[in-house]
C-alpha atoms as a PDB file:
ATOM      1  CA  MET A   1     -69.773 -36.460 -43.967  1.00  0.00           C
ATOM      2  CA  HIS A   2     -69.471 -32.784 -44.827  1.00  0.00           C
ATOM      3  CA  PRO A   3     -69.418 -32.000 -48.579  1.00  0.00           C
ATOM      4  CA  VAL A   4     -69.000 -28.244 -48.244  1.00  0.00           C
ATOM      5  CA  PHE A   5     -67.027 -26.159 -45.763  1.00  0.00           C
ATOM      6  CA  LEU A   6     -67.924 -22.526 -45.256  1.00  0.00           C
ATOM      7  CA  LEU A   7     -64.955 -20.227 -44.714  1.00  0.00           C
ATOM      8  CA  GLY A   8     -66.416 -16.793 -44.205  1.00  0.00           C
ATOM      9  CA  GLY A   9     -68.653 -16.442 -47.228  1.00  0.00           C
ATOM     10  CA  LEU A  10     -66.563 -18.832 -49.325  1.00  0.00           C
ATOM     11  CA  GLU A  11     -67.763 -22.367 -50.091  1.00  0.00           C
ATOM     12  CA  ILE A  12     -64.977 -24.951 -50.144  1.00  0.00           C
ATOM     13  CA  TYR A  13     -65.845 -28.375 -51.522  1.00  0.00           C
ATOM     14  CA  ALA A  14     -64.331 -31.191 -49.489  1.00  0.00           C
ATOM     15  CA  TYR A  15     -63.584 -33.473 -52.412  1.00  0.00           C
ATOM     16  CA  ALA A  16     -61.744 -30.799 -54.390  1.00  0.00           C
ATOM     17  CA  LEU A  17     -59.887 -29.626 -51.267  1.00  0.00           C
ATOM     18  CA  PHE A  18     -58.558 -33.062 -50.353  1.00  0.00           C
ATOM     19  CA  THR A  19     -57.846 -33.989 -53.951  1.00  0.00           C
ATOM     20  CA  TRP A  20     -55.590 -30.968 -54.358  1.00  0.00           C
ATOM     21  CA  LEU A  21     -54.062 -31.513 -50.905  1.00  0.00           C
ATOM     22  CA  GLY A  22     -53.228 -35.050 -51.983  1.00  0.00           C
ATOM     23  CA  ALA A  23     -51.735 -33.930 -55.287  1.00  0.00           C
ATOM     24  CA  GLY A  24     -49.665 -31.226 -53.606  1.00  0.00           C
ATOM     25  CA  SER A  25     -48.442 -33.553 -50.867  1.00  0.00           C
ATOM     26  CA  ALA A  26     -47.514 -36.191 -53.452  1.00  0.00           C
ATOM     27  CA  CYS A  27     -45.453 -33.695 -55.454  1.00  0.00           C
ATOM     28  CA  ILE A  28     -43.586 -32.542 -52.342  1.00  0.00           C
ATOM     29  CA  LEU A  29     -42.917 -36.091 -51.174  1.00  0.00           C
ATOM     30  CA  ALA A  30     -41.790 -37.188 -54.646  1.00  0.00           C
ATOM     31  CA  MET A  31     -39.086 -34.543 -55.006  1.00  0.00           C
ATOM     32  CA  PRO A  32     -36.339 -36.146 -52.817  1.00  0.00           C
ATOM     33  CA  GLY A  33     -36.860 -39.619 -54.281  1.00  0.00           C
ATOM     34  CA  LEU A  34     -36.808 -38.390 -57.853  1.00  0.00           C
ATOM     35  CA  LYS A  35     -33.658 -36.397 -57.104  1.00  0.00           C
ATOM     36  CA  ARG A  36     -31.940 -39.513 -55.733  1.00  0.00           C
ATOM     37  CA  ALA A  37     -33.061 -41.351 -58.876  1.00  0.00           C
ATOM     38  CA  GLY A  38     -31.057 -38.887 -60.988  1.00  0.00           C
ATOM     39  CA  MET A  39     -33.630 -36.314 -62.078  1.00  0.00           C
ATOM     40  CA  SER A  40     -32.771 -32.629 -62.290  1.00  0.00           C
ATOM     41  CA  ALA A  41     -35.070 -30.027 -60.733  1.00  0.00           C
ATOM     42  CA  MET A  42     -36.538 -29.133 -64.130  1.00  0.00           C
ATOM     43  CA  GLN A  43     -37.127 -32.790 -64.962  1.00  0.00           C
ATOM     44  CA  ARG A  44     -38.826 -33.372 -61.604  1.00  0.00           C
ATOM     45  CA  TRP A  45     -41.247 -30.496 -62.025  1.00  0.00           C
ATOM     46  CA  GLY A  46     -41.851 -31.390 -65.645  1.00  0.00           C
ATOM     47  CA  VAL A  47     -42.686 -35.027 -65.007  1.00  0.00           C
ATOM     48  CA  LEU A  48     -44.929 -34.285 -62.011  1.00  0.00           C
ATOM     49  CA  ILE A  49     -46.963 -31.696 -63.917  1.00  0.00           C
ATOM     50  CA  LEU A  50     -47.237 -34.055 -66.876  1.00  0.00           C
ATOM     51  CA  MET A  51     -48.342 -36.913 -64.625  1.00  0.00           C
ATOM     52  CA  CYS A  52     -51.048 -34.781 -62.991  1.00  0.00           C
ATOM     53  CA  ILE A  53     -52.449 -33.786 -66.374  1.00  0.00           C
ATOM     54  CA  CYS A  54     -52.323 -37.324 -67.755  1.00  0.00           C
ATOM     55  CA  PHE A  55     -53.912 -38.685 -64.588  1.00  0.00           C
ATOM     56  CA  LEU A  56     -56.939 -36.430 -65.035  1.00  0.00           C
ATOM     57  CA  VAL A  57     -57.199 -37.183 -68.754  1.00  0.00           C
ATOM     58  CA  GLY A  58     -56.827 -40.927 -68.255  1.00  0.00           C
ATOM     59  CA  ALA A  59     -59.282 -40.974 -65.354  1.00  0.00           C
ATOM     60  CA  ARG A  60     -61.941 -39.181 -67.393  1.00  0.00           C
ATOM     61  CA  LEU A  61     -61.480 -41.258 -70.567  1.00  0.00           C
ATOM     62  CA  TRP A  62     -61.599 -44.502 -68.582  1.00  0.00           C
ATOM     63  CA  ASN A  63     -64.788 -43.375 -66.845  1.00  0.00           C
ATOM     64  CA  VAL A  64     -66.379 -42.510 -70.190  1.00  0.00           C
ATOM     65  CA  ALA A  65     -65.541 -46.018 -71.417  1.00  0.00           C
ATOM     66  CA  VAL A  66     -66.847 -47.937 -68.376  1.00  0.00           C
ATOM     67  CA  ASN A  67     -69.764 -45.685 -67.448  1.00  0.00           C
ATOM     68  CA  PRO A  68     -71.082 -44.020 -70.654  1.00  0.00           C
ATOM     69  CA  VAL A  69     -74.572 -43.554 -69.200  1.00  0.00           C
ATOM     70  CA  ASN A  70     -73.112 -40.898 -66.902  1.00  0.00           C
ATOM     71  CA  TYR A  71     -72.567 -38.634 -69.918  1.00  0.00           C
ATOM     72  CA  ILE A  72     -75.974 -38.790 -71.572  1.00  0.00           C
ATOM     73  CA  GLY A  73     -77.348 -35.732 -69.761  1.00  0.00           C
ATOM     74  CA  GLU A  74     -75.796 -32.363 -68.986  1.00  0.00           C
ATOM     75  CA  PHE A  75     -72.586 -33.833 -67.600  1.00  0.00           C
ATOM     76  CA  LYS A  76     -70.069 -33.925 -70.476  1.00  0.00           C
ATOM     77  CA  TRP A  77     -66.825 -35.838 -70.853  1.00  0.00           C
ATOM     78  CA  TYR A  78     -64.833 -32.658 -71.468  1.00  0.00           C
ATOM     79  CA  THR A  79     -65.924 -30.894 -68.261  1.00  0.00           C
ATOM     80  CA  LEU A  80     -63.158 -29.680 -65.957  1.00  0.00           C
ATOM     81  CA  LYS A  81     -65.119 -30.625 -62.854  1.00  0.00           C
ATOM     82  CA  LEU A  82     -63.480 -33.097 -60.463  1.00  0.00           C
ATOM     83  CA  ALA A  83     -66.200 -35.667 -61.029  1.00  0.00           C
ATOM     84  CA  GLY A  84     -66.597 -38.705 -63.231  1.00  0.00           C
ATOM     85  CA  LEU A  85     -63.022 -39.868 -62.678  1.00  0.00           C
ATOM     86  CA  SER A  86     -61.883 -43.495 -62.527  1.00  0.00           C
ATOM     87  CA  LEU A  87     -58.760 -44.261 -60.514  1.00  0.00           C
ATOM     88  CA  TYR A  88     -57.177 -46.944 -62.670  1.00  0.00           C
ATOM     89  CA  GLY A  89     -57.618 -44.906 -65.829  1.00  0.00           C
ATOM     90  CA  GLY A  90     -55.781 -42.094 -64.095  1.00  0.00           C
ATOM     91  CA  LEU A  91     -53.032 -44.427 -62.896  1.00  0.00           C
ATOM     92  CA  ILE A  92     -52.552 -45.831 -66.383  1.00  0.00           C
ATOM     93  CA  GLY A  93     -52.326 -42.319 -67.789  1.00  0.00           C
ATOM     94  CA  ALA A  94     -49.884 -41.098 -65.133  1.00  0.00           C
ATOM     95  CA  VAL A  95     -47.604 -44.146 -65.239  1.00  0.00           C
ATOM     96  CA  THR A  96     -47.548 -44.131 -69.044  1.00  0.00           C
ATOM     97  CA  ALA A  97     -46.547 -40.464 -69.028  1.00  0.00           C
ATOM     98  CA  LEU A  98     -43.827 -41.185 -66.456  1.00  0.00           C
ATOM     99  CA  ILE A  99     -42.366 -44.077 -68.442  1.00  0.00           C
ATOM    100  CA  LEU A 100     -42.306 -42.107 -71.701  1.00  0.00           C
ATOM    101  CA  PHE A 101     -40.767 -39.088 -69.985  1.00  0.00           C
ATOM    102  CA  VAL A 102     -38.049 -41.220 -68.375  1.00  0.00           C
ATOM    103  CA  LYS A 103     -37.330 -42.967 -71.656  1.00  0.00           C
ATOM    104  CA  VAL A 104     -36.895 -39.636 -73.466  1.00  0.00           C
ATOM    105  CA  CYS A 105     -34.566 -38.415 -70.710  1.00  0.00           C
ATOM    106  CA  ARG A 106     -32.657 -41.733 -70.792  1.00  0.00           C
ATOM    107  CA  LEU A 107     -32.953 -42.361 -67.063  1.00  0.00           C
ATOM    108  CA  ARG A 108     -33.373 -45.607 -65.130  1.00  0.00           C
ATOM    109  CA  ILE A 109     -37.077 -46.345 -64.814  1.00  0.00           C
ATOM    110  CA  PHE A 110     -37.238 -48.682 -61.796  1.00  0.00           C
ATOM    111  CA  PRO A 111     -35.795 -46.321 -59.142  1.00  0.00           C
ATOM    112  CA  ILE A 112     -38.128 -43.587 -60.391  1.00  0.00           C
ATOM    113  CA  LEU A 113     -41.172 -45.867 -60.209  1.00  0.00           C
ATOM    114  CA  ASP A 114     -40.177 -46.820 -56.664  1.00  0.00           C
ATOM    115  CA  ALA A 115     -39.863 -43.145 -55.747  1.00  0.00           C
ATOM    116  CA  MET A 116     -43.521 -42.598 -56.682  1.00  0.00           C
ATOM    117  CA  VAL A 117     -44.988 -45.310 -54.442  1.00  0.00           C
ATOM    118  CA  VAL A 118     -45.187 -43.367 -51.180  1.00  0.00           C
ATOM    119  CA  PRO A 119     -46.377 -40.117 -52.834  1.00  0.00           C
ATOM    120  CA  GLY A 120     -49.000 -41.991 -54.832  1.00  0.00           C
ATOM    121  CA  SER A 121     -50.312 -43.782 -51.754  1.00  0.00           C
ATOM    122  CA  VAL A 122     -50.500 -40.548 -49.764  1.00  0.00           C
ATOM    123  CA  ALA A 123     -52.400 -38.828 -52.593  1.00  0.00           C
ATOM    124  CA  PHE A 124     -54.882 -41.698 -52.707  1.00  0.00           C
ATOM    125  CA  CYS A 125     -55.482 -41.565 -48.951  1.00  0.00           C
ATOM    126  CA  PHE A 126     -56.150 -37.817 -49.099  1.00  0.00           C
ATOM    127  CA  ALA A 127     -58.567 -38.351 -51.993  1.00  0.00           C
ATOM    128  CA  ARG A 128     -60.470 -41.028 -50.087  1.00  0.00           C
ATOM    129  CA  ILE A 129     -60.912 -38.662 -47.140  1.00  0.00           C
ATOM    130  CA  GLY A 130     -62.428 -36.222 -49.630  1.00  0.00           C
ATOM    131  CA  CYS A 131     -64.694 -38.966 -50.992  1.00  0.00           C
ATOM    132  CA  PHE A 132     -65.910 -39.851 -47.507  1.00  0.00           C
ATOM    133  CA  LEU A 133     -66.677 -36.227 -46.650  1.00  0.00           C
ATOM    134  CA  ASN A 134     -68.333 -35.756 -50.028  1.00  0.00           C
ATOM    135  CA  GLY A 135     -70.461 -38.892 -49.784  1.00  0.00           C
ATOM    136  CA  CYS A 136     -69.285 -40.302 -53.121  1.00  0.00           C
ATOM    137  CA  CYS A 137     -67.675 -43.678 -53.909  1.00  0.00           C
ATOM    138  CA  GLY A 138     -69.634 -45.184 -51.026  1.00  0.00           C
ATOM    139  CA  GLY A 139     -70.701 -48.724 -50.290  1.00  0.00           C
ATOM    140  CA  LYS A 140     -73.810 -50.850 -50.281  1.00  0.00           C
ATOM    141  CA  ALA A 141     -76.366 -50.847 -47.480  1.00  0.00           C
ATOM    142  CA  THR A 142     -75.426 -52.930 -44.463  1.00  0.00           C
ATOM    143  CA  ASN A 143     -76.739 -53.822 -41.007  1.00  0.00           C
ATOM    144  CA  SER A 144     -73.271 -54.587 -39.681  1.00  0.00           C
ATOM    145  CA  SER A 145     -71.546 -52.580 -36.979  1.00  0.00           C
ATOM    146  CA  PHE A 146     -69.334 -51.036 -39.695  1.00  0.00           C
ATOM    147  CA  GLY A 147     -72.274 -49.272 -41.311  1.00  0.00           C
ATOM    148  CA  VAL A 148     -72.243 -45.479 -41.476  1.00  0.00           C
ATOM    149  CA  LEU A 149     -75.439 -43.449 -41.715  1.00  0.00           C
ATOM    150  CA  PHE A 150     -74.720 -40.361 -43.783  1.00  0.00           C
ATOM    151  CA  PRO A 151     -76.837 -37.214 -43.276  1.00  0.00           C
ATOM    152  CA  ASP A 152     -79.505 -36.554 -45.883  1.00  0.00           C
ATOM    153  CA  TYR A 153     -78.115 -33.576 -47.795  1.00  0.00           C
ATOM    154  CA  ASN A 154     -80.672 -33.976 -50.586  1.00  0.00           C
ATOM    155  CA  ALA A 155     -83.421 -32.618 -48.391  1.00  0.00           C
ATOM    156  CA  GLY A 156     -83.999 -29.272 -46.734  1.00  0.00           C
ATOM    157  CA  GLU A 157     -82.127 -26.149 -47.574  1.00  0.00           C
ATOM    158  CA  GLN A 158     -78.966 -27.868 -48.840  1.00  0.00           C
ATOM    159  CA  SER A 159     -79.269 -29.860 -52.045  1.00  0.00           C
ATOM    160  CA  PHE A 160     -76.528 -31.818 -53.756  1.00  0.00           C
ATOM    161  CA  SER A 161     -78.474 -33.311 -56.633  1.00  0.00           C
ATOM    162  CA  GLY A 162     -77.645 -36.933 -57.416  1.00  0.00           C
ATOM    163  CA  MET A 163     -74.465 -37.015 -55.359  1.00  0.00           C
ATOM    164  CA  LEU A 164     -75.972 -38.910 -52.437  1.00  0.00           C
ATOM    165  CA  SER A 165     -78.851 -40.627 -54.188  1.00  0.00           C
ATOM    166  CA  PHE A 166     -77.503 -44.108 -53.502  1.00  0.00           C
ATOM    167  CA  LEU A 167     -77.694 -43.656 -49.713  1.00  0.00           C
ATOM    168  CA  ASN A 168     -81.456 -43.381 -49.142  1.00  0.00           C
ATOM    169  CA  ASN A 169     -80.963 -42.800 -45.403  1.00  0.00           C
ATOM    170  CA  ARG A 170     -79.567 -46.299 -44.802  1.00  0.00           C
ATOM    171  CA  PRO A 171     -76.315 -47.327 -43.099  1.00  0.00           C
ATOM    172  CA  VAL A 172     -73.778 -48.209 -45.764  1.00  0.00           C
ATOM    173  CA  HIS A 173     -70.284 -49.641 -45.874  1.00  0.00           C
ATOM    174  CA  PRO A 174     -67.743 -46.784 -45.664  1.00  0.00           C
ATOM    175  CA  THR A 175     -65.756 -48.272 -48.517  1.00  0.00           C
ATOM    176  CA  GLN A 176     -63.800 -45.021 -48.846  1.00  0.00           C
ATOM    177  CA  LEU A 177     -62.307 -45.686 -45.397  1.00  0.00           C
ATOM    178  CA  TYR A 178     -61.810 -49.405 -46.114  1.00  0.00           C
ATOM    179  CA  GLU A 179     -59.687 -48.546 -49.137  1.00  0.00           C
ATOM    180  CA  LEU A 180     -57.836 -45.808 -47.276  1.00  0.00           C
ATOM    181  CA  ALA A 181     -56.905 -48.219 -44.461  1.00  0.00           C
ATOM    182  CA  GLY A 182     -55.948 -50.937 -46.930  1.00  0.00           C
ATOM    183  CA  ALA A 183     -53.747 -48.592 -48.950  1.00  0.00           C
ATOM    184  CA  ALA A 184     -51.962 -47.295 -45.832  1.00  0.00           C
ATOM    185  CA  ILE A 185     -51.433 -50.710 -44.231  1.00  0.00           C
ATOM    186  CA  GLY A 186     -50.384 -52.181 -47.566  1.00  0.00           C
ATOM    187  CA  LEU A 187     -47.815 -49.427 -48.012  1.00  0.00           C
ATOM    188  CA  LEU A 188     -46.243 -50.135 -44.620  1.00  0.00           C
ATOM    189  CA  LEU A 189     -46.088 -53.878 -45.338  1.00  0.00           C
ATOM    190  CA  VAL A 190     -44.490 -53.347 -48.751  1.00  0.00           C
ATOM    191  CA  LEU A 191     -41.881 -50.953 -47.353  1.00  0.00           C
ATOM    192  CA  LEU A 192     -41.006 -53.380 -44.559  1.00  0.00           C
ATOM    193  CA  ILE A 193     -40.800 -56.379 -46.889  1.00  0.00           C
ATOM    194  CA  CYS A 194     -38.651 -54.579 -49.462  1.00  0.00           C
ATOM    195  CA  ARG A 195     -36.351 -53.264 -46.753  1.00  0.00           C
ATOM    196  CA  LYS A 196     -35.947 -56.662 -45.118  1.00  0.00           C
ATOM    197  CA  LEU A 197     -35.260 -58.393 -48.431  1.00  0.00           C
ATOM    198  CA  GLN A 198     -33.060 -55.573 -49.728  1.00  0.00           C
ATOM    199  CA  ALA A 199     -35.305 -55.764 -52.744  1.00  0.00           C
ATOM    200  CA  GLU A 200     -34.152 -54.903 -56.230  1.00  0.00           C
ATOM    201  CA  PRO A 201     -35.193 -51.600 -57.857  1.00  0.00           C
ATOM    202  CA  GLY A 202     -38.739 -51.759 -59.141  1.00  0.00           C
ATOM    203  CA  SER A 203     -39.855 -54.236 -56.473  1.00  0.00           C
ATOM    204  CA  ARG A 204     -41.492 -51.613 -54.293  1.00  0.00           C
ATOM    205  CA  PHE A 205     -43.612 -50.367 -57.197  1.00  0.00           C
ATOM    206  CA  MET A 206     -44.604 -53.787 -58.523  1.00  0.00           C
ATOM    207  CA  LEU A 207     -45.369 -55.267 -55.112  1.00  0.00           C
ATOM    208  CA  TYR A 208     -47.416 -52.271 -54.037  1.00  0.00           C
ATOM    209  CA  ALA A 209     -49.361 -52.416 -57.295  1.00  0.00           C
ATOM    210  CA  ALA A 210     -50.229 -56.026 -56.434  1.00  0.00           C
ATOM    211  CA  VAL A 211     -51.143 -55.277 -52.805  1.00  0.00           C
ATOM    212  CA  PHE A 212     -53.184 -52.203 -53.696  1.00  0.00           C
ATOM    213  CA  SER A 213     -55.091 -54.137 -56.361  1.00  0.00           C
ATOM    214  CA  ALA A 214     -55.786 -56.878 -53.806  1.00  0.00           C
ATOM    215  CA  VAL A 215     -57.315 -54.260 -51.511  1.00  0.00           C
ATOM    216  CA  ARG A 216     -59.475 -52.971 -54.347  1.00  0.00           C
ATOM    217  CA  LEU A 217     -60.559 -56.500 -55.240  1.00  0.00           C
ATOM    218  CA  LEU A 218     -61.600 -57.260 -51.646  1.00  0.00           C
ATOM    219  CA  VAL A 219     -63.590 -54.032 -51.318  1.00  0.00           C
ATOM    220  CA  LEU A 220     -65.181 -54.245 -54.785  1.00  0.00           C
ATOM    221  CA  PRO A 221     -68.211 -56.413 -53.755  1.00  0.00           C
ATOM    222  CA  LEU A 222     -69.091 -53.866 -51.070  1.00  0.00           C
ATOM    223  CA  ARG A 223     -69.061 -50.792 -53.333  1.00  0.00           C
ATOM    224  CA  ALA A 224     -72.270 -49.241 -54.688  1.00  0.00           C
ATOM    225  CA  LEU A 225     -71.218 -48.780 -58.293  1.00  0.00           C
ATOM    226  CA  SER A 226     -73.503 -47.593 -61.073  1.00  0.00           C
ATOM    227  CA  TYR A 227     -71.392 -49.293 -63.743  1.00  0.00           C
ATOM    228  CA  PRO A 228     -72.818 -51.997 -66.032  1.00  0.00           C
ATOM    229  CA  GLY A 229     -72.669 -55.519 -64.613  1.00  0.00           C
ATOM    230  CA  VAL A 230     -69.962 -56.664 -67.030  1.00  0.00           C
ATOM    231  CA  ILE A 231     -67.693 -53.875 -65.783  1.00  0.00           C
ATOM    232  CA  LYS A 232     -68.234 -54.610 -62.077  1.00  0.00           C
ATOM    233  CA  ASP A 233     -68.330 -58.388 -62.273  1.00  0.00           C
ATOM    234  CA  VAL A 234     -65.890 -59.154 -65.099  1.00  0.00           C
ATOM    235  CA  LEU A 235     -63.621 -56.306 -66.192  1.00  0.00           C
ATOM    236  CA  TYR A 236     -62.500 -55.007 -62.810  1.00  0.00           C
ATOM    237  CA  PRO A 237     -61.925 -58.423 -61.175  1.00  0.00           C
ATOM    238  CA  ILE A 238     -59.865 -59.510 -64.193  1.00  0.00           C
ATOM    239  CA  LEU A 239     -57.894 -56.253 -64.124  1.00  0.00           C
ATOM    240  CA  TYR A 240     -57.143 -56.536 -60.407  1.00  0.00           C
ATOM    241  CA  LEU A 241     -56.209 -60.226 -60.590  1.00  0.00           C
ATOM    242  CA  THR A 242     -53.929 -59.592 -63.573  1.00  0.00           C
ATOM    243  CA  ILE A 243     -52.047 -56.858 -61.704  1.00  0.00           C
ATOM    244  CA  ILE A 244     -51.820 -59.000 -58.563  1.00  0.00           C
ATOM    245  CA  ILE A 245     -50.355 -61.949 -60.468  1.00  0.00           C
ATOM    246  CA  ILE A 246     -47.938 -59.904 -62.591  1.00  0.00           C
ATOM    247  CA  GLY A 247     -46.781 -57.703 -59.704  1.00  0.00           C
ATOM    248  CA  THR A 248     -46.206 -60.605 -57.336  1.00  0.00           C
ATOM    249  CA  ALA A 249     -44.569 -62.874 -59.911  1.00  0.00           C
ATOM    250  CA  TRP A 250     -42.283 -60.102 -61.166  1.00  0.00           C
ATOM    251  CA  THR A 251     -41.158 -59.215 -57.635  1.00  0.00           C
ATOM    252  CA  VAL A 252     -40.494 -62.820 -56.626  1.00  0.00           C
ATOM    253  CA  ARG A 253     -38.647 -63.652 -59.832  1.00  0.00           C
ATOM    254  CA  ARG A 254     -36.489 -60.522 -59.849  1.00  0.00           C
ATOM    255  CA  ASN A 255     -35.459 -60.845 -56.223  1.00  0.00           C
ATOM    256  CA  ARG A 256     -34.947 -64.604 -56.372  1.00  0.00           C
ATOM    257  CA  PHE A 257     -32.396 -64.311 -59.144  1.00  0.00           C
ATOM    258  CA  ALA A 258     -30.832 -61.247 -57.567  1.00  0.00           C
ATOM    259  CA  GLY A 259     -30.578 -63.063 -54.236  1.00  0.00           C
ATOM    260  CA  ALA A 260     -28.927 -66.043 -55.898  1.00  0.00           C
ATOM    261  CA  ALA A 261     -26.452 -63.748 -57.611  1.00  0.00           C
ATOM    262  CA  ARG A 262     -25.602 -62.026 -54.339  1.00  0.00           C
END
């Protein structure tokens, strides 16, 4: 874990670095797929910029809703800092922006959604590397062989107030890496399944949404979240299960009828 890199006299924060690396990589990877889906160069740049903005807005608003205690002190909801962001709020914001943009441009939505699966997964994996190096989004204490003992950066000369307070010098589950591995393996499985089945447009997006949510559901009990109990124990499990059921059912139904037609 290494929250800050020193490059000469310049401090580079790991989380911000890998977040922007993920966003940049996602935009580059999305370009060919969006072009094949019928988007012009201007439309591609426009929708990607809009999605990035709406992701940040959605992630912050969702975090304010599920973790309001975080904003009682000096940390405000309107800050531009890359902190206090919730993934699913960002995804809802980005996907909503994409759908509205595509509808205005009168393009086919399913091929465009499919084109965003690989870029989105890559961006997430980069972000989780940043989380691991930063020490945020970590797991609960564990005595298992998977436990990781993070350095104590709250003591001594370096101080990162509150960021690592949940660690308390105990081995914890590296849930950042669990989710990274799950997202990457899930992506490969979805791509292989859709290729083998010659899946209909939209299947890659819907199936990956289901698989990714299953990964999040499995890791959820291991995460050290400061959210209220109703959020951790009720809202998020219901959200994940709903996406799993809808994504899987939609994919099976669409490809079953398409297969029969073929």
